[in-house]
Amino acid sequence: MSSRKYKSFQEFYPYYLSEHREKGTRILHFIGTTLFLLLVSWAIWSLNAWFILGGVVAAYGCAWIGHFFVEKNKPATFQYPIWSLISDFKLYFQIWGGKEGFVGKE
């Protein structure tokens, strides 16, 4: 985990990407974010807020497995929770849009 204090999201995001270099970590984040979005959608459709909790557990569970067992680092969420959350979604939509791949820029 970085001991540097980031003053802006623009400074933070390159660090975030450096902590997500392994293909397996990115895939697990992508799966977790997809599950989160699906479960939140289901919560809205079914009017059952418990699915939101399931989405949070799925997202963080997948991400943390990627960090602890694939990337072998600590999630930036512990030090930068808001910027990490924003970065998760930014990377997710960049992968969908083809700007990022599962193994860094392609």
PDB file of N, CA and C in Angstrom:
ATOM      1  N   MET A   1       0.843  -1.169   0.000  1.00  0.00           N
ATOM      2  CA  MET A   1       0.000   0.000   0.000  1.00  0.00           C
ATOM      3  C   MET A   1       0.892   1.236   0.000  1.00  0.00           C
ATOM      4  N   SER A   2       0.456   2.235  -0.722  1.00  0.00           N
ATOM      5  CA  SER A   2       1.239   3.457  -0.869  1.00  0.00           C
ATOM      6  C   SER A   2       1.176   4.307   0.401  1.00  0.00           C
ATOM      7  N   SER A   3       2.329   4.849   0.794  1.00  0.00           N
ATOM      8  CA  SER A   3       2.351   5.764   1.928  1.00  0.00           C
ATOM      9  C   SER A   3       2.198   7.201   1.440  1.00  0.00           C
ATOM     10  N   ARG A   4       2.227   7.389   0.128  1.00  0.00           N
ATOM     11  CA  ARG A   4       2.062   8.701  -0.465  1.00  0.00           C
ATOM     12  C   ARG A   4       0.628   9.179  -0.277  1.00  0.00           C
ATOM     13  N   LYS A   5       0.458  10.455  -0.066  1.00  0.00           N
ATOM     14  CA  LYS A   5      -0.872  11.050   0.051  1.00  0.00           C
ATOM     15  C   LYS A   5      -1.231  11.692  -1.278  1.00  0.00           C
ATOM     16  N   TYR A   6      -2.255  11.185  -1.922  1.00  0.00           N
ATOM     17  CA  TYR A   6      -2.685  11.717  -3.210  1.00  0.00           C
ATOM     18  C   TYR A   6      -3.631  12.884  -2.985  1.00  0.00           C
ATOM     19  N   LYS A   7      -3.424  13.945  -3.760  1.00  0.00           N
ATOM     20  CA  LYS A   7      -4.207  15.161  -3.585  1.00  0.00           C
ATOM     21  C   LYS A   7      -5.345  15.268  -4.586  1.00  0.00           C
ATOM     22  N   SER A   8      -5.342  14.411  -5.607  1.00  0.00           N
ATOM     23  CA  SER A   8      -6.408  14.457  -6.598  1.00  0.00           C
ATOM     24  C   SER A   8      -6.644  13.061  -7.154  1.00  0.00           C
ATOM     25  N   PHE A   9      -7.810  12.900  -7.741  1.00  0.00           N
ATOM     26  CA  PHE A   9      -8.125  11.628  -8.372  1.00  0.00           C
ATOM     27  C   PHE A   9      -7.189  11.375  -9.546  1.00  0.00           C
ATOM     28  N   GLN A  10      -6.827  12.424 -10.269  1.00  0.00           N
ATOM     29  CA  GLN A  10      -5.922  12.289 -11.406  1.00  0.00           C
ATOM     30  C   GLN A  10      -4.561  11.753 -10.970  1.00  0.00           C
ATOM     31  N   GLU A  11      -4.110  12.108  -9.787  1.00  0.00           N
ATOM     32  CA  GLU A  11      -2.860  11.557  -9.252  1.00  0.00           C
ATOM     33  C   GLU A  11      -3.053  10.119  -8.780  1.00  0.00           C
ATOM     34  N   PHE A  12      -4.220   9.837  -8.232  1.00  0.00           N
ATOM     35  CA  PHE A  12      -4.489   8.535  -7.631  1.00  0.00           C
ATOM     36  C   PHE A  12      -4.673   7.427  -8.673  1.00  0.00           C
ATOM     37  N   TYR A  13      -5.368   7.710  -9.760  1.00  0.00           N
ATOM     38  CA  TYR A  13      -5.755   6.654 -10.700  1.00  0.00           C
ATOM     39  C   TYR A  13      -4.567   5.874 -11.276  1.00  0.00           C
ATOM     40  N   PRO A  14      -3.461   6.518 -11.649  1.00  0.00           N
ATOM     41  CA  PRO A  14      -2.309   5.714 -12.109  1.00  0.00           C
ATOM     42  C   PRO A  14      -1.800   4.747 -11.023  1.00  0.00           C
ATOM     43  N   TYR A  15      -1.835   5.193  -9.770  1.00  0.00           N
ATOM     44  CA  TYR A  15      -1.464   4.299  -8.668  1.00  0.00           C
ATOM     45  C   TYR A  15      -2.441   3.122  -8.601  1.00  0.00           C
ATOM     46  N   TYR A  16      -3.731   3.420  -8.702  1.00  0.00           N
ATOM     47  CA  TYR A  16      -4.752   2.379  -8.686  1.00  0.00           C
ATOM     48  C   TYR A  16      -4.470   1.337  -9.773  1.00  0.00           C
ATOM     49  N   LEU A  17      -4.197   1.806 -10.991  1.00  0.00           N
ATOM     50  CA  LEU A  17      -3.904   0.873 -12.088  1.00  0.00           C
ATOM     51  C   LEU A  17      -2.661   0.043 -11.803  1.00  0.00           C
ATOM     52  N   SER A  18      -1.671   0.645 -11.146  1.00  0.00           N
ATOM     53  CA  SER A  18      -0.445  -0.097 -10.826  1.00  0.00           C
ATOM     54  C   SER A  18      -0.694  -1.202  -9.814  1.00  0.00           C
ATOM     55  N   GLU A  19      -1.759  -1.072  -9.038  1.00  0.00           N
ATOM     56  CA  GLU A  19      -2.121  -2.085  -8.054  1.00  0.00           C
ATOM     57  C   GLU A  19      -3.050  -3.149  -8.654  1.00  0.00           C
ATOM     58  N   HIS A  20      -3.331  -3.025  -9.945  1.00  0.00           N
ATOM     59  CA  HIS A  20      -4.226  -3.941 -10.653  1.00  0.00           C
ATOM     60  C   HIS A  20      -3.583  -4.390 -11.961  1.00  0.00           C
ATOM     61  N   ARG A  21      -2.353  -4.839 -11.886  1.00  0.00           N
ATOM     62  CA  ARG A  21      -1.607  -5.222 -13.096  1.00  0.00           C
ATOM     63  C   ARG A  21      -1.924  -6.626 -13.582  1.00  0.00           C
ATOM     64  N   GLU A  22      -2.233  -7.512 -12.658  1.00  0.00           N
ATOM     65  CA  GLU A  22      -2.450  -8.920 -13.010  1.00  0.00           C
ATOM     66  C   GLU A  22      -3.816  -9.135 -13.651  1.00  0.00           C
ATOM     67  N   LYS A  23      -3.820  -9.956 -14.670  1.00  0.00           N
ATOM     68  CA  LYS A  23      -5.053 -10.273 -15.390  1.00  0.00           C
ATOM     69  C   LYS A  23      -6.130 -10.815 -14.439  1.00  0.00           C
ATOM     70  N   GLY A  24      -5.735 -11.708 -13.558  1.00  0.00           N
ATOM     71  CA  GLY A  24      -6.691 -12.308 -12.629  1.00  0.00           C
ATOM     72  C   GLY A  24      -7.338 -11.291 -11.705  1.00  0.00           C
ATOM     73  N   THR A  25      -6.574 -10.303 -11.276  1.00  0.00           N
ATOM     74  CA  THR A  25      -7.121  -9.258 -10.406  1.00  0.00           C
ATOM     75  C   THR A  25      -8.161  -8.447 -11.151  1.00  0.00           C
ATOM     76  N   ARG A  26      -7.846  -8.061 -12.379  1.00  0.00           N
ATOM     77  CA  ARG A  26      -8.794  -7.279 -13.176  1.00  0.00           C
ATOM     78  C   ARG A  26     -10.053  -8.084 -13.497  1.00  0.00           C
ATOM     79  N   ILE A  27      -9.869  -9.357 -13.806  1.00  0.00           N
ATOM     80  CA  ILE A  27     -11.034 -10.202 -14.095  1.00  0.00           C
ATOM     81  C   ILE A  27     -11.924 -10.312 -12.865  1.00  0.00           C
ATOM     82  N   LEU A  28     -11.314 -10.541 -11.699  1.00  0.00           N
ATOM     83  CA  LEU A  28     -12.115 -10.645 -10.474  1.00  0.00           C
ATOM     84  C   LEU A  28     -12.827  -9.329 -10.139  1.00  0.00           C
ATOM     85  N   HIS A  29     -12.170  -8.206 -10.350  1.00  0.00           N
ATOM     86  CA  HIS A  29     -12.826  -6.915 -10.143  1.00  0.00           C
ATOM     87  C   HIS A  29     -13.999  -6.751 -11.119  1.00  0.00           C
ATOM     88  N   PHE A  30     -13.778  -7.134 -12.362  1.00  0.00           N
ATOM     89  CA  PHE A  30     -14.815  -7.017 -13.378  1.00  0.00           C
ATOM     90  C   PHE A  30     -16.023  -7.886 -13.010  1.00  0.00           C
ATOM     91  N   ILE A  31     -15.769  -9.101 -12.581  1.00  0.00           N
ATOM     92  CA  ILE A  31     -16.853 -10.007 -12.164  1.00  0.00           C
ATOM     93  C   ILE A  31     -17.583  -9.420 -10.956  1.00  0.00           C
ATOM     94  N   GLY A  32     -16.828  -8.952  -9.970  1.00  0.00           N
ATOM     95  CA  GLY A  32     -17.438  -8.399  -8.768  1.00  0.00           C
ATOM     96  C   GLY A  32     -18.288  -7.179  -9.057  1.00  0.00           C
ATOM     97  N   THR A  33     -17.803  -6.292  -9.905  1.00  0.00           N
ATOM     98  CA  THR A  33     -18.574  -5.095 -10.244  1.00  0.00           C
ATOM     99  C   THR A  33     -19.820  -5.461 -11.040  1.00  0.00           C
ATOM    100  N   THR A  34     -19.697  -6.426 -11.936  1.00  0.00           N
ATOM    101  CA  THR A  34     -20.861  -6.898 -12.689  1.00  0.00           C
ATOM    102  C   THR A  34     -21.906  -7.477 -11.745  1.00  0.00           C
ATOM    103  N   LEU A  35     -21.476  -8.318 -10.808  1.00  0.00           N
ATOM    104  CA  LEU A  35     -22.409  -8.887  -9.830  1.00  0.00           C
ATOM    105  C   LEU A  35     -23.073  -7.794  -9.006  1.00  0.00           C
ATOM    106  N   PHE A  36     -22.286  -6.794  -8.601  1.00  0.00           N
ATOM    107  CA  PHE A  36     -22.842  -5.682  -7.836  1.00  0.00           C
ATOM    108  C   PHE A  36     -23.953  -4.986  -8.628  1.00  0.00           C
ATOM    109  N   LEU A  37     -23.674  -4.651  -9.875  1.00  0.00           N
ATOM    110  CA  LEU A  37     -24.664  -3.945 -10.689  1.00  0.00           C
ATOM    111  C   LEU A  37     -25.909  -4.800 -10.922  1.00  0.00           C
ATOM    112  N   LEU A  38     -25.716  -6.089 -11.159  1.00  0.00           N
ATOM    113  CA  LEU A  38     -26.861  -6.985 -11.345  1.00  0.00           C
ATOM    114  C   LEU A  38     -27.704  -7.104 -10.082  1.00  0.00           C
ATOM    115  N   LEU A  39     -27.027  -7.246  -8.941  1.00  0.00           N
ATOM    116  CA  LEU A  39     -27.768  -7.398  -7.688  1.00  0.00           C
ATOM    117  C   LEU A  39     -28.457  -6.105  -7.258  1.00  0.00           C
ATOM    118  N   VAL A  40     -27.857  -4.967  -7.520  1.00  0.00           N
ATOM    119  CA  VAL A  40     -28.537  -3.695  -7.230  1.00  0.00           C
ATOM    120  C   VAL A  40     -29.760  -3.554  -8.139  1.00  0.00           C
ATOM    121  N   SER A  41     -29.601  -3.912  -9.396  1.00  0.00           N
ATOM    122  CA  SER A  41     -30.749  -3.876 -10.315  1.00  0.00           C
ATOM    123  C   SER A  41     -31.863  -4.800  -9.826  1.00  0.00           C
ATOM    124  N   TRP A  42     -31.480  -5.979  -9.387  1.00  0.00           N
ATOM    125  CA  TRP A  42     -32.467  -6.937  -8.867  1.00  0.00           C
ATOM    126  C   TRP A  42     -33.128  -6.397  -7.599  1.00  0.00           C
ATOM    127  N   ALA A  43     -32.371  -5.725  -6.759  1.00  0.00           N
ATOM    128  CA  ALA A  43     -32.926  -5.130  -5.537  1.00  0.00           C
ATOM    129  C   ALA A  43     -33.993  -4.100  -5.891  1.00  0.00           C
ATOM    130  N   ILE A  44     -33.714  -3.299  -6.891  1.00  0.00           N
ATOM    131  CA  ILE A  44     -34.687  -2.283  -7.319  1.00  0.00           C
ATOM    132  C   ILE A  44     -35.924  -2.954  -7.914  1.00  0.00           C
ATOM    133  N   TRP A  45     -35.701  -3.942  -8.768  1.00  0.00           N
ATOM    134  CA  TRP A  45     -36.815  -4.633  -9.415  1.00  0.00           C
ATOM    135  C   TRP A  45     -37.693  -5.373  -8.405  1.00  0.00           C
ATOM    136  N   SER A  46     -37.045  -6.033  -7.458  1.00  0.00           N
ATOM    137  CA  SER A  46     -37.787  -6.859  -6.491  1.00  0.00           C
ATOM    138  C   SER A  46     -38.208  -6.084  -5.245  1.00  0.00           C
ATOM    139  N   LEU A  47     -37.746  -4.843  -5.130  1.00  0.00           N
ATOM    140  CA  LEU A  47     -38.000  -4.022  -3.938  1.00  0.00           C
ATOM    141  C   LEU A  47     -37.483  -4.706  -2.672  1.00  0.00           C
ATOM    142  N   ASN A  48     -36.327  -5.354  -2.820  1.00  0.00           N
ATOM    143  CA  ASN A  48     -35.709  -6.053  -1.699  1.00  0.00           C
ATOM    144  C   ASN A  48     -34.276  -5.544  -1.538  1.00  0.00           C
ATOM    145  N   ALA A  49     -34.093  -4.677  -0.556  1.00  0.00           N
ATOM    146  CA  ALA A  49     -32.793  -4.025  -0.359  1.00  0.00           C
ATOM    147  C   ALA A  49     -31.687  -4.995   0.053  1.00  0.00           C
ATOM    148  N   TRP A  50     -32.031  -6.183   0.499  1.00  0.00           N
ATOM    149  CA  TRP A  50     -31.004  -7.147   0.896  1.00  0.00           C
ATOM    150  C   TRP A  50     -30.088  -7.513  -0.268  1.00  0.00           C
ATOM    151  N   PHE A  51     -30.584  -7.414  -1.480  1.00  0.00           N
ATOM    152  CA  PHE A  51     -29.746  -7.726  -2.641  1.00  0.00           C
ATOM    153  C   PHE A  51     -28.612  -6.717  -2.803  1.00  0.00           C
ATOM    154  N   ILE A  52     -28.809  -5.498  -2.305  1.00  0.00           N
ATOM    155  CA  ILE A  52     -27.727  -4.506  -2.347  1.00  0.00           C
ATOM    156  C   ILE A  52     -26.572  -4.981  -1.477  1.00  0.00           C
ATOM    157  N   LEU A  53     -26.894  -5.478  -0.294  1.00  0.00           N
ATOM    158  CA  LEU A  53     -25.856  -6.025   0.587  1.00  0.00           C
ATOM    159  C   LEU A  53     -25.133  -7.176  -0.110  1.00  0.00           C
ATOM    160  N   GLY A  54     -25.891  -8.032  -0.768  1.00  0.00           N
ATOM    161  CA  GLY A  54     -25.278  -9.133  -1.514  1.00  0.00           C
ATOM    162  C   GLY A  54     -24.345  -8.623  -2.602  1.00  0.00           C
ATOM    163  N   GLY A  55     -24.735  -7.534  -3.256  1.00  0.00           N
ATOM    164  CA  GLY A  55     -23.889  -6.942  -4.282  1.00  0.00           C
ATOM    165  C   GLY A  55     -22.588  -6.404  -3.723  1.00  0.00           C
ATOM    166  N   VAL A  56     -22.676  -5.753  -2.568  1.00  0.00           N
ATOM    167  CA  VAL A  56     -21.470  -5.219  -1.918  1.00  0.00           C
ATOM    168  C   VAL A  56     -20.537  -6.363  -1.521  1.00  0.00           C
ATOM    169  N   VAL A  57     -21.098  -7.410  -0.935  1.00  0.00           N
ATOM    170  CA  VAL A  57     -20.290  -8.569  -0.526  1.00  0.00           C
ATOM    171  C   VAL A  57     -19.642  -9.227  -1.743  1.00  0.00           C
ATOM    172  N   ALA A  58     -20.404  -9.372  -2.816  1.00  0.00           N
ATOM    173  CA  ALA A  58     -19.854  -9.990  -4.029  1.00  0.00           C
ATOM    174  C   ALA A  58     -18.728  -9.147  -4.614  1.00  0.00           C
ATOM    175  N   ALA A  59     -18.943  -7.847  -4.688  1.00  0.00           N
ATOM    176  CA  ALA A  59     -17.936  -6.964  -5.285  1.00  0.00           C
ATOM    177  C   ALA A  59     -16.651  -6.958  -4.468  1.00  0.00           C
ATOM    178  N   TYR A  60     -16.775  -6.712  -3.168  1.00  0.00           N
ATOM    179  CA  TYR A  60     -15.567  -6.670  -2.339  1.00  0.00           C
ATOM    180  C   TYR A  60     -14.940  -8.049  -2.192  1.00  0.00           C
ATOM    181  N   GLY A  61     -15.755  -9.082  -2.129  1.00  0.00           N
ATOM    182  CA  GLY A  61     -15.215 -10.436  -2.027  1.00  0.00           C
ATOM    183  C   GLY A  61     -14.343 -10.782  -3.225  1.00  0.00           C
ATOM    184  N   CYS A  62     -14.856 -10.536  -4.421  1.00  0.00           N
ATOM    185  CA  CYS A  62     -14.073 -10.809  -5.640  1.00  0.00           C
ATOM    186  C   CYS A  62     -12.813  -9.948  -5.679  1.00  0.00           C
ATOM    187  N   ALA A  63     -12.971  -8.659  -5.384  1.00  0.00           N
ATOM    188  CA  ALA A  63     -11.822  -7.743  -5.444  1.00  0.00           C
ATOM    189  C   ALA A  63     -10.743  -8.151  -4.446  1.00  0.00           C
ATOM    190  N   TRP A  64     -11.141  -8.451  -3.232  1.00  0.00           N
ATOM    191  CA  TRP A  64     -10.160  -8.776  -2.200  1.00  0.00           C
ATOM    192  C   TRP A  64      -9.476 -10.110  -2.459  1.00  0.00           C
ATOM    193  N   ILE A  65     -10.195 -11.059  -3.025  1.00  0.00           N
ATOM    194  CA  ILE A  65      -9.550 -12.314  -3.428  1.00  0.00           C
ATOM    195  C   ILE A  65      -8.463 -12.005  -4.454  1.00  0.00           C
ATOM    196  N   GLY A  66      -8.777 -11.129  -5.408  1.00  0.00           N
ATOM    197  CA  GLY A  66      -7.795 -10.736  -6.412  1.00  0.00           C
ATOM    198  C   GLY A  66      -6.566 -10.088  -5.801  1.00  0.00           C
ATOM    199  N   HIS A  67      -6.793  -9.214  -4.827  1.00  0.00           N
ATOM    200  CA  HIS A  67      -5.650  -8.530  -4.218  1.00  0.00           C
ATOM    201  C   HIS A  67      -4.820  -9.460  -3.340  1.00  0.00           C
ATOM    202  N   PHE A  68      -5.469 -10.206  -2.479  1.00  0.00           N
ATOM    203  CA  PHE A  68      -4.730 -11.030  -1.516  1.00  0.00           C
ATOM    204  C   PHE A  68      -4.073 -12.252  -2.149  1.00  0.00           C
ATOM    205  N   PHE A  69      -4.719 -12.865  -3.143  1.00  0.00           N
ATOM    206  CA  PHE A  69      -4.215 -14.128  -3.677  1.00  0.00           C
ATOM    207  C   PHE A  69      -3.610 -14.037  -5.076  1.00  0.00           C
ATOM    208  N   VAL A  70      -4.015 -13.060  -5.874  1.00  0.00           N
ATOM    209  CA  VAL A  70      -3.472 -12.942  -7.226  1.00  0.00           C
ATOM    210  C   VAL A  70      -2.412 -11.850  -7.266  1.00  0.00           C
ATOM    211  N   GLU A  71      -2.802 -10.645  -6.909  1.00  0.00           N
ATOM    212  CA  GLU A  71      -1.889  -9.499  -6.975  1.00  0.00           C
ATOM    213  C   GLU A  71      -0.899  -9.499  -5.808  1.00  0.00           C
ATOM    214  N   LYS A  72      -1.334 -10.105  -4.696  1.00  0.00           N
ATOM    215  CA  LYS A  72      -0.532 -10.179  -3.458  1.00  0.00           C
ATOM    216  C   LYS A  72      -0.183  -8.779  -2.927  1.00  0.00           C
ATOM    217  N   ASN A  73      -1.226  -7.946  -2.866  1.00  0.00           N
ATOM    218  CA  ASN A  73      -1.083  -6.622  -2.275  1.00  0.00           C
ATOM    219  C   ASN A  73      -2.337  -6.307  -1.459  1.00  0.00           C
ATOM    220  N   LYS A  74      -2.322  -5.185  -0.801  1.00  0.00           N
ATOM    221  CA  LYS A  74      -3.481  -4.776  -0.003  1.00  0.00           C
ATOM    222  C   LYS A  74      -4.359  -3.853  -0.839  1.00  0.00           C
ATOM    223  N   PRO A  75      -5.666  -4.038  -0.773  1.00  0.00           N
ATOM    224  CA  PRO A  75      -6.553  -3.174  -1.540  1.00  0.00           C
ATOM    225  C   PRO A  75      -6.391  -1.703  -1.151  1.00  0.00           C
ATOM    226  N   ALA A  76      -6.394  -0.846  -2.146  1.00  0.00           N
ATOM    227  CA  ALA A  76      -6.298   0.593  -1.898  1.00  0.00           C
ATOM    228  C   ALA A  76      -7.526   1.103  -1.157  1.00  0.00           C
ATOM    229  N   THR A  77      -8.592   0.316  -1.138  1.00  0.00           N
ATOM    230  CA  THR A  77      -9.826   0.680  -0.435  1.00  0.00           C
ATOM    231  C   THR A  77      -9.563   1.001   1.031  1.00  0.00           C
ATOM    232  N   PHE A  78      -8.593   0.324   1.630  1.00  0.00           N
ATOM    233  CA  PHE A  78      -8.320   0.535   3.048  1.00  0.00           C
ATOM    234  C   PHE A  78      -7.809   1.947   3.321  1.00  0.00           C
ATOM    235  N   GLN A  79      -7.079   2.511   2.375  1.00  0.00           N
ATOM    236  CA  GLN A  79      -6.503   3.842   2.569  1.00  0.00           C
ATOM    237  C   GLN A  79      -7.277   4.932   1.820  1.00  0.00           C
ATOM    238  N   TYR A  80      -7.842   4.584   0.683  1.00  0.00           N
ATOM    239  CA  TYR A  80      -8.538   5.549  -0.177  1.00  0.00           C
ATOM    240  C   TYR A  80      -9.898   4.981  -0.591  1.00  0.00           C
ATOM    241  N   PRO A  81     -10.849   4.871   0.321  1.00  0.00           N
ATOM    242  CA  PRO A  81     -12.105   4.183   0.000  1.00  0.00           C
ATOM    243  C   PRO A  81     -12.920   4.833  -1.126  1.00  0.00           C
ATOM    244  N   ILE A  82     -13.050   6.136  -1.125  1.00  0.00           N
ATOM    245  CA  ILE A  82     -13.878   6.794  -2.144  1.00  0.00           C
ATOM    246  C   ILE A  82     -13.199   6.752  -3.513  1.00  0.00           C
ATOM    247  N   TRP A  83     -11.924   7.127  -3.552  1.00  0.00           N
ATOM    248  CA  TRP A  83     -11.214   7.114  -4.835  1.00  0.00           C
ATOM    249  C   TRP A  83     -11.087   5.703  -5.384  1.00  0.00           C
ATOM    250  N   SER A  84     -10.962   4.722  -4.525  1.00  0.00           N
ATOM    251  CA  SER A  84     -10.897   3.328  -4.975  1.00  0.00           C
ATOM    252  C   SER A  84     -12.225   2.893  -5.585  1.00  0.00           C
ATOM    253  N   LEU A  85     -13.310   3.281  -4.951  1.00  0.00           N
ATOM    254  CA  LEU A  85     -14.632   2.933  -5.476  1.00  0.00           C
ATOM    255  C   LEU A  85     -14.850   3.579  -6.838  1.00  0.00           C
ATOM    256  N   ILE A  86     -14.524   4.857  -6.950  1.00  0.00           N
ATOM    257  CA  ILE A  86     -14.647   5.553  -8.231  1.00  0.00           C
ATOM    258  C   ILE A  86     -13.749   4.885  -9.272  1.00  0.00           C
ATOM    259  N   SER A  87     -12.546   4.523  -8.872  1.00  0.00           N
ATOM    260  CA  SER A  87     -11.598   3.865  -9.787  1.00  0.00           C
ATOM    261  C   SER A  87     -12.098   2.512 -10.248  1.00  0.00           C
ATOM    262  N   ASP A  88     -12.744   1.759  -9.353  1.00  0.00           N
ATOM    263  CA  ASP A  88     -13.306   0.463  -9.738  1.00  0.00           C
ATOM    264  C   ASP A  88     -14.288   0.632 -10.894  1.00  0.00           C
ATOM    265  N   PHE A  89     -15.179   1.614 -10.756  1.00  0.00           N
ATOM    266  CA  PHE A  89     -16.163   1.843 -11.812  1.00  0.00           C
ATOM    267  C   PHE A  89     -15.518   2.413 -13.071  1.00  0.00           C
ATOM    268  N   LYS A  90     -14.533   3.293 -12.908  1.00  0.00           N
ATOM    269  CA  LYS A  90     -13.843   3.841 -14.077  1.00  0.00           C
ATOM    270  C   LYS A  90     -13.172   2.722 -14.867  1.00  0.00           C
ATOM    271  N   LEU A  91     -12.422   1.849 -14.179  1.00  0.00           N
ATOM    272  CA  LEU A  91     -11.766   0.737 -14.857  1.00  0.00           C
ATOM    273  C   LEU A  91     -12.802  -0.184 -15.500  1.00  0.00           C
ATOM    274  N   TYR A  92     -13.879  -0.466 -14.787  1.00  0.00           N
ATOM    275  CA  TYR A  92     -14.934  -1.338 -15.299  1.00  0.00           C
ATOM    276  C   TYR A  92     -15.471  -0.820 -16.636  1.00  0.00           C
ATOM    277  N   PHE A  93     -15.805   0.465 -16.673  1.00  0.00           N
ATOM    278  CA  PHE A  93     -16.373   1.023 -17.898  1.00  0.00           C
ATOM    279  C   PHE A  93     -15.310   1.242 -18.973  1.00  0.00           C
ATOM    280  N   GLN A  94     -14.058   1.435 -18.584  1.00  0.00           N
ATOM    281  CA  GLN A  94     -12.983   1.504 -19.572  1.00  0.00           C
ATOM    282  C   GLN A  94     -12.766   0.144 -20.222  1.00  0.00           C
ATOM    283  N   ILE A  95     -12.888  -0.918 -19.450  1.00  0.00           N
ATOM    284  CA  ILE A  95     -12.776  -2.270 -20.028  1.00  0.00           C
ATOM    285  C   ILE A  95     -13.916  -2.491 -21.018  1.00  0.00           C
ATOM    286  N   TRP A  96     -15.140  -2.152 -20.618  1.00  0.00           N
ATOM    287  CA  TRP A  96     -16.291  -2.291 -21.527  1.00  0.00           C
ATOM    288  C   TRP A  96     -16.083  -1.477 -22.792  1.00  0.00           C
ATOM    289  N   GLY A  97     -15.511  -0.275 -22.644  1.00  0.00           N
ATOM    290  CA  GLY A  97     -15.320   0.602 -23.790  1.00  0.00           C
ATOM    291  C   GLY A  97     -14.077   0.325 -24.605  1.00  0.00           C
ATOM    292  N   GLY A  98     -13.250  -0.623 -24.158  1.00  0.00           N
ATOM    293  CA  GLY A  98     -12.057  -0.989 -24.897  1.00  0.00           C
ATOM    294  C   GLY A  98     -10.847  -0.093 -24.642  1.00  0.00           C
ATOM    295  N   LYS A  99     -10.946   0.844 -23.682  1.00  0.00           N
ATOM    296  CA  LYS A  99      -9.806   1.723 -23.378  1.00  0.00           C
ATOM    297  C   LYS A  99      -8.775   1.025 -22.498  1.00  0.00           C
ATOM    298  N   GLU A 100      -9.208   0.076 -21.718  1.00  0.00           N
ATOM    299  CA  GLU A 100      -8.330  -0.743 -20.879  1.00  0.00           C
ATOM    300  C   GLU A 100      -8.679  -2.186 -21.165  1.00  0.00           C
ATOM    301  N   GLY A 101      -7.696  -3.046 -20.980  1.00  0.00           N
ATOM    302  CA  GLY A 101      -7.943  -4.470 -21.138  1.00  0.00           C
ATOM    303  C   GLY A 101      -7.801  -5.167 -19.798  1.00  0.00           C
ATOM    304  N   PHE A 102      -7.816  -6.467 -19.848  1.00  0.00           N
ATOM    305  CA  PHE A 102      -7.661  -7.226 -18.627  1.00  0.00           C
ATOM    306  C   PHE A 102      -6.200  -7.290 -18.199  1.00  0.00           C
ATOM    307  N   VAL A 103      -5.272  -6.853 -19.069  1.00  0.00           N
ATOM    308  CA  VAL A 103      -3.852  -6.801 -18.708  1.00  0.00           C
ATOM    309  C   VAL A 103      -3.304  -5.444 -19.142  1.00  0.00           C
ATOM    310  N   GLY A 104      -3.643  -4.405 -18.435  1.00  0.00           N
ATOM    311  CA  GLY A 104      -3.131  -3.077 -18.732  1.00  0.00           C
ATOM    312  C   GLY A 104      -3.591  -2.571 -20.082  1.00  0.00           C
ATOM    313  N   LYS A 105      -2.986  -1.484 -20.511  1.00  0.00           N
ATOM    314  CA  LYS A 105      -3.353  -0.916 -21.810  1.00  0.00           C
ATOM    315  C   LYS A 105      -2.908  -1.841 -22.922  1.00  0.00           C
ATOM    316  N   GLU A 106      -3.749  -1.961 -23.908  1.00  0.00           N
ATOM    317  CA  GLU A 106      -3.444  -2.855 -25.040  1.00  0.00           C
ATOM    318  C   GLU A 106      -3.366  -2.067 -26.316  1.00  0.00           C
TER     319      GLU A 106
END
